[in-house]
Structures are given as structure tokens and as C-alpha cells.
All heavy atoms as atom14 arrays in JSON, in Angstrom:
{
  "sequence": "FDELPPNLINAVVATEDRRFFEHFGVDVIGT",
  "atom14_mask": [
    [1, 1, 1, 1, 1, 1, 1, 1, 1, 1, 1, 0, 0, 0],
    [1, 1, 1, 1, 1, 1, 1, 1, 0, 0, 0, 0, 0, 0],
    [1, 1, 1, 1, 1, 1, 1, 1, 1, 0, 0, 0, 0, 0],
    [1, 1, 1, 1, 1, 1, 1, 1, 0, 0, 0, 0, 0, 0],
    [1, 1, 1, 1, 1, 1, 1, 0, 0, 0, 0, 0, 0, 0],
    [1, 1, 1, 1, 1, 1, 1, 0, 0, 0, 0, 0, 0, 0],
    [1, 1, 1, 1, 1, 1, 1, 1, 0, 0, 0, 0, 0, 0],
    [1, 1, 1, 1, 1, 1, 1, 1, 0, 0, 0, 0, 0, 0],
    [1, 1, 1, 1, 1, 1, 1, 1, 0, 0, 0, 0, 0, 0],
    [1, 1, 1, 1, 1, 1, 1, 1, 0, 0, 0, 0, 0, 0],
    [1, 1, 1, 1, 1, 0, 0, 0, 0, 0, 0, 0, 0, 0],
    [1, 1, 1, 1, 1, 1, 1, 0, 0, 0, 0, 0, 0, 0],
    [1, 1, 1, 1, 1, 1, 1, 0, 0, 0, 0, 0, 0, 0],
    [1, 1, 1, 1, 1, 0, 0, 0, 0, 0, 0, 0, 0, 0],
    [1, 1, 1, 1, 1, 1, 1, 0, 0, 0, 0, 0, 0, 0],
    [1, 1, 1, 1, 1, 1, 1, 1, 1, 0, 0, 0, 0, 0],
    [1, 1, 1, 1, 1, 1, 1, 1, 0, 0, 0, 0, 0, 0],
    [1, 1, 1, 1, 1, 1, 1, 1, 1, 1, 1, 0, 0, 0],
    [1, 1, 1, 1, 1, 1, 1, 1, 1, 1, 1, 0, 0, 0],
    [1, 1, 1, 1, 1, 1, 1, 1, 1, 1, 1, 0, 0, 0],
    [1, 1, 1, 1, 1, 1, 1, 1, 1, 1, 1, 0, 0, 0],
    [1, 1, 1, 1, 1, 1, 1, 1, 1, 0, 0, 0, 0, 0],
    [1, 1, 1, 1, 1, 1, 1, 1, 1, 1, 0, 0, 0, 0],
    [1, 1, 1, 1, 1, 1, 1, 1, 1, 1, 1, 0, 0, 0],
    [1, 1, 1, 1, 0, 0, 0, 0, 0, 0, 0, 0, 0, 0],
    [1, 1, 1, 1, 1, 1, 1, 0, 0, 0, 0, 0, 0, 0],
    [1, 1, 1, 1, 1, 1, 1, 1, 0, 0, 0, 0, 0, 0],
    [1, 1, 1, 1, 1, 1, 1, 0, 0, 0, 0, 0, 0, 0],
    [1, 1, 1, 1, 1, 1, 1, 1, 0, 0, 0, 0, 0, 0],
    [1, 1, 1, 1, 0, 0, 0, 0, 0, 0, 0, 0, 0, 0],
    [1, 1, 1, 1, 1, 1, 1, 0, 0, 0, 0, 0, 0, 0]
  ],
  "atom14_positions": [
    [[1.8, -2.3, -15.16], [1.97, -2.56, -13.73], [2.96, -3.71, -13.5], [3.75, -3.68, -12.55], [0.62, -2.88, -13.1], [0.66, -3.01, -11.6], [0.63, -1.88, -10.8], [0.74, -4.25, -10.99], [0.68, -1.99, -9.42], [0.78, -4.37, -9.62], [0.75, -3.23, -8.83], [0.0, 0.0, 0.0], [0.0, 0.0, 0.0], [0.0, 0.0, 0.0]],
    [[2.92, -4.71, -14.35], [3.8, -5.86, -14.2], [5.27, -5.49, -14.38], [6.16, -6.2, -13.89], [3.43, -6.96, -15.2], [2.09, -7.59, -14.86], [1.74, -7.61, -13.66], [1.39, -8.03, -15.79], [0.0, 0.0, 0.0], [0.0, 0.0, 0.0], [0.0, 0.0, 0.0], [0.0, 0.0, 0.0], [0.0, 0.0, 0.0], [0.0, 0.0, 0.0]],
    [[5.53, -4.39, -15.09], [6.92, -3.98, -15.35], [7.48, -3.09, -14.24], [8.67, -2.78, -14.26], [7.01, -3.25, -16.69], [6.72, -4.12, -17.9], [6.77, -3.33, -19.18], [5.81, -2.56, -19.43], [7.75, -3.46, -19.92], [0.0, 0.0, 0.0], [0.0, 0.0, 0.0], [0.0, 0.0, 0.0], [0.0, 0.0, 0.0], [0.0, 0.0, 0.0]],
    [[6.65, -2.66, -13.32], [7.13, -1.82, -12.23], [7.98, -2.65, -11.28], [7.65, -3.79, -10.97], [5.96, -1.19, -11.46], [5.09, -0.2, -12.23], [3.92, 0.25, -11.38], [5.91, 1.01, -12.68], [0.0, 0.0, 0.0], [0.0, 0.0, 0.0], [0.0, 0.0, 0.0], [0.0, 0.0, 0.0], [0.0, 0.0, 0.0], [0.0, 0.0, 0.0]],
    [[9.08, -2.09, -10.78], [9.93, -2.83, -9.84], [9.16, -3.17, -8.56], [8.52, -2.28, -7.97], [11.08, -1.85, -9.56], [11.04, -0.85, -10.65], [9.62, -0.75, -11.08], [0.0, 0.0, 0.0], [0.0, 0.0, 0.0], [0.0, 0.0, 0.0], [0.0, 0.0, 0.0], [0.0, 0.0, 0.0], [0.0, 0.0, 0.0], [0.0, 0.0, 0.0]],
    [[9.23, -4.42, -8.09], [8.55, -4.77, -6.83], [9.01, -3.9, -5.66], [8.2, -3.57, -4.78], [8.95, -6.24, -6.63], [9.24, -6.74, -8.02], [9.84, -5.58, -8.74], [0.0, 0.0, 0.0], [0.0, 0.0, 0.0], [0.0, 0.0, 0.0], [0.0, 0.0, 0.0], [0.0, 0.0, 0.0], [0.0, 0.0, 0.0], [0.0, 0.0, 0.0]],
    [[10.28, -3.51, -5.66], [10.77, -2.67, -4.56], [10.05, -1.33, -4.52], [9.79, -0.78, -3.44], [12.28, -2.44, -4.7], [13.09, -3.63, -4.23], [12.64, -4.41, -3.39], [14.29, -3.78, -4.77], [0.0, 0.0, 0.0], [0.0, 0.0, 0.0], [0.0, 0.0, 0.0], [0.0, 0.0, 0.0], [0.0, 0.0, 0.0], [0.0, 0.0, 0.0]],
    [[9.71, -0.78, -5.69], [9.0, 0.5, -5.73], [7.59, 0.33, -5.18], [7.13, 1.14, -4.37], [8.96, 1.04, -7.16], [8.15, 2.32, -7.36], [8.74, 3.47, -6.56], [8.08, 2.69, -8.84], [0.0, 0.0, 0.0], [0.0, 0.0, 0.0], [0.0, 0.0, 0.0], [0.0, 0.0, 0.0], [0.0, 0.0, 0.0], [0.0, 0.0, 0.0]],
    [[6.89, -0.69, -5.63], [5.52, -0.94, -5.15], [5.51, -1.15, -3.64], [4.7, -0.56, -2.92], [4.92, -2.15, -5.88], [4.81, -1.86, -7.38], [3.55, -2.51, -5.3], [4.39, -3.05, -8.2], [0.0, 0.0, 0.0], [0.0, 0.0, 0.0], [0.0, 0.0, 0.0], [0.0, 0.0, 0.0], [0.0, 0.0, 0.0], [0.0, 0.0, 0.0]],
    [[6.43, -2.0, -3.16], [6.48, -2.28, -1.73], [6.86, -1.05, -0.93], [6.34, -0.83, 0.18], [7.49, -3.4, -1.46], [7.06, -4.72, -2.08], [5.88, -4.94, -2.34], [8.01, -5.61, -2.32], [0.0, 0.0, 0.0], [0.0, 0.0, 0.0], [0.0, 0.0, 0.0], [0.0, 0.0, 0.0], [0.0, 0.0, 0.0], [0.0, 0.0, 0.0]],
    [[7.74, -0.22, -1.47], [8.14, 0.99, -0.77], [6.96, 1.95, -0.62], [6.77, 2.56, 0.43], [9.28, 1.67, -1.52], [0.0, 0.0, 0.0], [0.0, 0.0, 0.0], [0.0, 0.0, 0.0], [0.0, 0.0, 0.0], [0.0, 0.0, 0.0], [0.0, 0.0, 0.0], [0.0, 0.0, 0.0], [0.0, 0.0, 0.0], [0.0, 0.0, 0.0]],
    [[6.16, 2.09, -1.68], [5.01, 2.98, -1.62], [3.97, 2.47, -0.62], [3.45, 3.23, 0.21], [4.38, 3.13, -3.02], [3.06, 3.9, -2.94], [5.34, 3.83, -3.97], [0.0, 0.0, 0.0], [0.0, 0.0, 0.0], [0.0, 0.0, 0.0], [0.0, 0.0, 0.0], [0.0, 0.0, 0.0], [0.0, 0.0, 0.0], [0.0, 0.0, 0.0]],
    [[3.67, 1.18, -0.67], [2.68, 0.61, 0.24], [3.16, 0.71, 1.68], [2.41, 1.09, 2.59], [2.37, -0.84, -0.14], [1.47, -1.49, 0.92], [1.7, -0.91, -1.5], [0.0, 0.0, 0.0], [0.0, 0.0, 0.0], [0.0, 0.0, 0.0], [0.0, 0.0, 0.0], [0.0, 0.0, 0.0], [0.0, 0.0, 0.0], [0.0, 0.0, 0.0]],
    [[4.43, 0.39, 1.94], [4.97, 0.42, 3.29], [4.96, 1.82, 3.88], [4.83, 2.0, 5.09], [6.4, -0.13, 3.29], [0.0, 0.0, 0.0], [0.0, 0.0, 0.0], [0.0, 0.0, 0.0], [0.0, 0.0, 0.0], [0.0, 0.0, 0.0], [0.0, 0.0, 0.0], [0.0, 0.0, 0.0], [0.0, 0.0, 0.0], [0.0, 0.0, 0.0]],
    [[5.08, 2.83, 3.02], [5.18, 4.21, 3.5], [3.85, 4.95, 3.5], [3.54, 5.71, 4.41], [6.2, 4.99, 2.64], [7.45, 4.3, 2.66], [6.4, 6.4, 3.16], [0.0, 0.0, 0.0], [0.0, 0.0, 0.0], [0.0, 0.0, 0.0], [0.0, 0.0, 0.0], [0.0, 0.0, 0.0], [0.0, 0.0, 0.0], [0.0, 0.0, 0.0]],
    [[3.04, 4.72, 2.47], [1.8, 5.49, 2.3], [0.57, 4.82, 2.91], [-0.34, 5.51, 3.37], [1.56, 5.74, 0.81], [2.54, 6.69, 0.16], [2.51, 8.07, 0.77], [1.42, 8.65, 0.89], [3.58, 8.56, 1.16], [0.0, 0.0, 0.0], [0.0, 0.0, 0.0], [0.0, 0.0, 0.0], [0.0, 0.0, 0.0], [0.0, 0.0, 0.0]],
    [[0.52, 3.5, 2.91], [-0.72, 2.82, 3.33], [-0.42, 1.35, 3.61], [-0.63, 0.48, 2.77], [-1.78, 2.96, 2.23], [-3.15, 2.47, 2.68], [-3.27, 1.99, 3.81], [-4.09, 2.6, 1.87], [0.0, 0.0, 0.0], [0.0, 0.0, 0.0], [0.0, 0.0, 0.0], [0.0, 0.0, 0.0], [0.0, 0.0, 0.0], [0.0, 0.0, 0.0]],
    [[0.06, 1.04, 4.81], [0.5, -0.32, 5.13], [-0.64, -1.33, 5.1], [-0.4, -2.52, 4.88], [1.17, -0.35, 6.5], [2.45, 0.47, 6.56], [3.16, 0.33, 7.88], [4.37, 1.16, 7.92], [5.24, 1.15, 8.92], [5.03, 0.37, 9.97], [6.3, 1.93, 8.87], [0.0, 0.0, 0.0], [0.0, 0.0, 0.0], [0.0, 0.0, 0.0]],
    [[-1.85, -0.9, 5.36], [-2.99, -1.82, 5.34], [-3.78, -1.73, 4.04], [-4.98, -2.04, 4.0], [-3.9, -1.53, 6.55], [-3.44, -2.19, 7.83], [-4.3, -1.78, 9.01], [-4.02, -0.39, 9.38], [-3.03, -0.03, 10.2], [-2.24, -0.94, 10.72], [-2.81, 1.23, 10.49], [0.0, 0.0, 0.0], [0.0, 0.0, 0.0], [0.0, 0.0, 0.0]],
    [[-3.11, -1.29, 2.98], [-3.79, -1.1, 1.7], [-4.52, -2.36, 1.24], [-5.66, -2.3, 0.75], [-2.79, -0.66, 0.64], [-3.36, -0.61, -0.76], [-4.3, 0.36, -1.11], [-2.99, -1.55, -1.72], [-4.83, 0.4, -2.38], [-3.52, -1.51, -2.99], [-4.44, -0.53, -3.33], [0.0, 0.0, 0.0], [0.0, 0.0, 0.0], [0.0, 0.0, 0.0]],
    [[-3.9, -3.51, 1.37], [-4.5, -4.75, 0.89], [-5.5, -5.35, 1.87], [-6.04, -6.43, 1.62], [-3.4, -5.77, 0.57], [-2.54, -5.38, -0.6], [-1.26, -4.87, -0.41], [-3.02, -5.49, -1.9], [-0.47, -4.49, -1.49], [-2.23, -5.11, -2.98], [-0.95, -4.61, -2.77], [0.0, 0.0, 0.0], [0.0, 0.0, 0.0], [0.0, 0.0, 0.0]],
    [[-5.75, -4.66, 2.99], [-6.66, -5.19, 4.01], [-7.92, -4.35, 4.17], [-8.99, -4.89, 4.47], [-5.91, -5.27, 5.35], [-4.67, -6.15, 5.3], [-3.8, -5.96, 6.54], [-4.28, -5.32, 7.5], [-2.65, -6.45, 6.55], [0.0, 0.0, 0.0], [0.0, 0.0, 0.0], [0.0, 0.0, 0.0], [0.0, 0.0, 0.0], [0.0, 0.0, 0.0]],
    [[-7.82, -3.02, 4.02], [-8.99, -2.18, 4.31], [-9.92, -2.09, 3.1], [-9.63, -2.58, 2.01], [-8.55, -0.78, 4.77], [-7.74, -0.01, 3.78], [-8.22, 0.38, 2.55], [-6.47, 0.48, 3.84], [-7.32, 1.06, 1.9], [-6.22, 1.13, 2.65], [0.0, 0.0, 0.0], [0.0, 0.0, 0.0], [0.0, 0.0, 0.0], [0.0, 0.0, 0.0]],
    [[-11.06, -1.42, 3.32], [-12.12, -1.33, 2.31], [-12.12, 0.01, 1.57], [-13.1, 0.37, 0.92], [-13.5, -1.53, 2.97], [-13.77, -0.6, 4.11], [-14.36, 0.64, 3.89], [-13.4, -0.93, 5.41], [-14.6, 1.51, 4.93], [-13.64, -0.06, 6.47], [-14.23, 1.16, 6.23], [0.0, 0.0, 0.0], [0.0, 0.0, 0.0], [0.0, 0.0, 0.0]],
    [[-11.01, 0.71, 1.65], [-10.91, 2.02, 1.01], [-10.57, 3.12, 1.99], [-9.91, 4.09, 1.64], [0.0, 0.0, 0.0], [0.0, 0.0, 0.0], [0.0, 0.0, 0.0], [0.0, 0.0, 0.0], [0.0, 0.0, 0.0], [0.0, 0.0, 0.0], [0.0, 0.0, 0.0], [0.0, 0.0, 0.0], [0.0, 0.0, 0.0], [0.0, 0.0, 0.0]],
    [[-11.04, 2.97, 3.23], [-10.73, 3.91, 4.31], [-10.05, 3.12, 5.41], [-10.61, 2.15, 5.92], [-12.0, 4.6, 4.84], [-11.66, 5.52, 6.0], [-12.7, 5.37, 3.73], [0.0, 0.0, 0.0], [0.0, 0.0, 0.0], [0.0, 0.0, 0.0], [0.0, 0.0, 0.0], [0.0, 0.0, 0.0], [0.0, 0.0, 0.0], [0.0, 0.0, 0.0]],
    [[-8.85, 3.51, 5.77], [-8.11, 2.83, 6.83], [-8.51, 3.44, 8.16], [-7.96, 4.45, 8.6], [-6.6, 2.99, 6.58], [-5.77, 2.22, 7.61], [-6.37, 1.51, 8.43], [-4.53, 2.34, 7.57], [0.0, 0.0, 0.0], [0.0, 0.0, 0.0], [0.0, 0.0, 0.0], [0.0, 0.0, 0.0], [0.0, 0.0, 0.0], [0.0, 0.0, 0.0]],
    [[-9.49, 2.82, 8.81], [-10.03, 3.37, 10.06], [-8.94, 3.42, 11.13], [-8.78, 4.42, 11.84], [-11.22, 2.53, 10.54], [-11.74, 3.07, 11.87], [-12.33, 2.52, 9.5], [0.0, 0.0, 0.0], [0.0, 0.0, 0.0], [0.0, 0.0, 0.0], [0.0, 0.0, 0.0], [0.0, 0.0, 0.0], [0.0, 0.0, 0.0], [0.0, 0.0, 0.0]],
    [[-8.17, 2.34, 11.24], [-7.12, 2.29, 12.26], [-6.07, 3.37, 12.0], [-5.65, 4.1, 12.9], [-6.46, 0.89, 12.28], [-7.5, -0.17, 12.66], [-5.28, 0.86, 13.25], [-6.98, -1.58, 12.59], [0.0, 0.0, 0.0], [0.0, 0.0, 0.0], [0.0, 0.0, 0.0], [0.0, 0.0, 0.0], [0.0, 0.0, 0.0], [0.0, 0.0, 0.0]],
    [[-5.66, 3.48, 10.73], [-4.67, 4.49, 10.39], [-5.18, 5.9, 10.62], [-4.44, 6.78, 11.05], [0.0, 0.0, 0.0], [0.0, 0.0, 0.0], [0.0, 0.0, 0.0], [0.0, 0.0, 0.0], [0.0, 0.0, 0.0], [0.0, 0.0, 0.0], [0.0, 0.0, 0.0], [0.0, 0.0, 0.0], [0.0, 0.0, 0.0], [0.0, 0.0, 0.0]],
    [[-6.45, 6.13, 10.32], [-7.04, 7.46, 10.53], [-7.07, 7.82, 12.0], [-6.72, 8.95, 12.39], [-8.46, 7.5, 9.94], [-8.4, 7.21, 8.54], [-9.08, 8.87, 10.14], [0.0, 0.0, 0.0], [0.0, 0.0, 0.0], [0.0, 0.0, 0.0], [0.0, 0.0, 0.0], [0.0, 0.0, 0.0], [0.0, 0.0, 0.0], [0.0, 0.0, 0.0]]
  ]
}
């Protein structure tokens, strides 16, 4: 995981699940 480019990780989070680091597994607001 440490070798993955930060841009790739950020791109995935920004596109797939922006509140990934905030929710408890289910993004109620996003749903």
C-alpha cells in the first residue's frame, strides 16, 4: 500500500467514496 501513488489513492477516494474516511462503512448521506 505504501508503494501505491498518492494520486491514484486520492483519485479513487474522490470518485468512488468521498466520505470514506468519515463514515462507518455505509455512507448514509451518499446513499
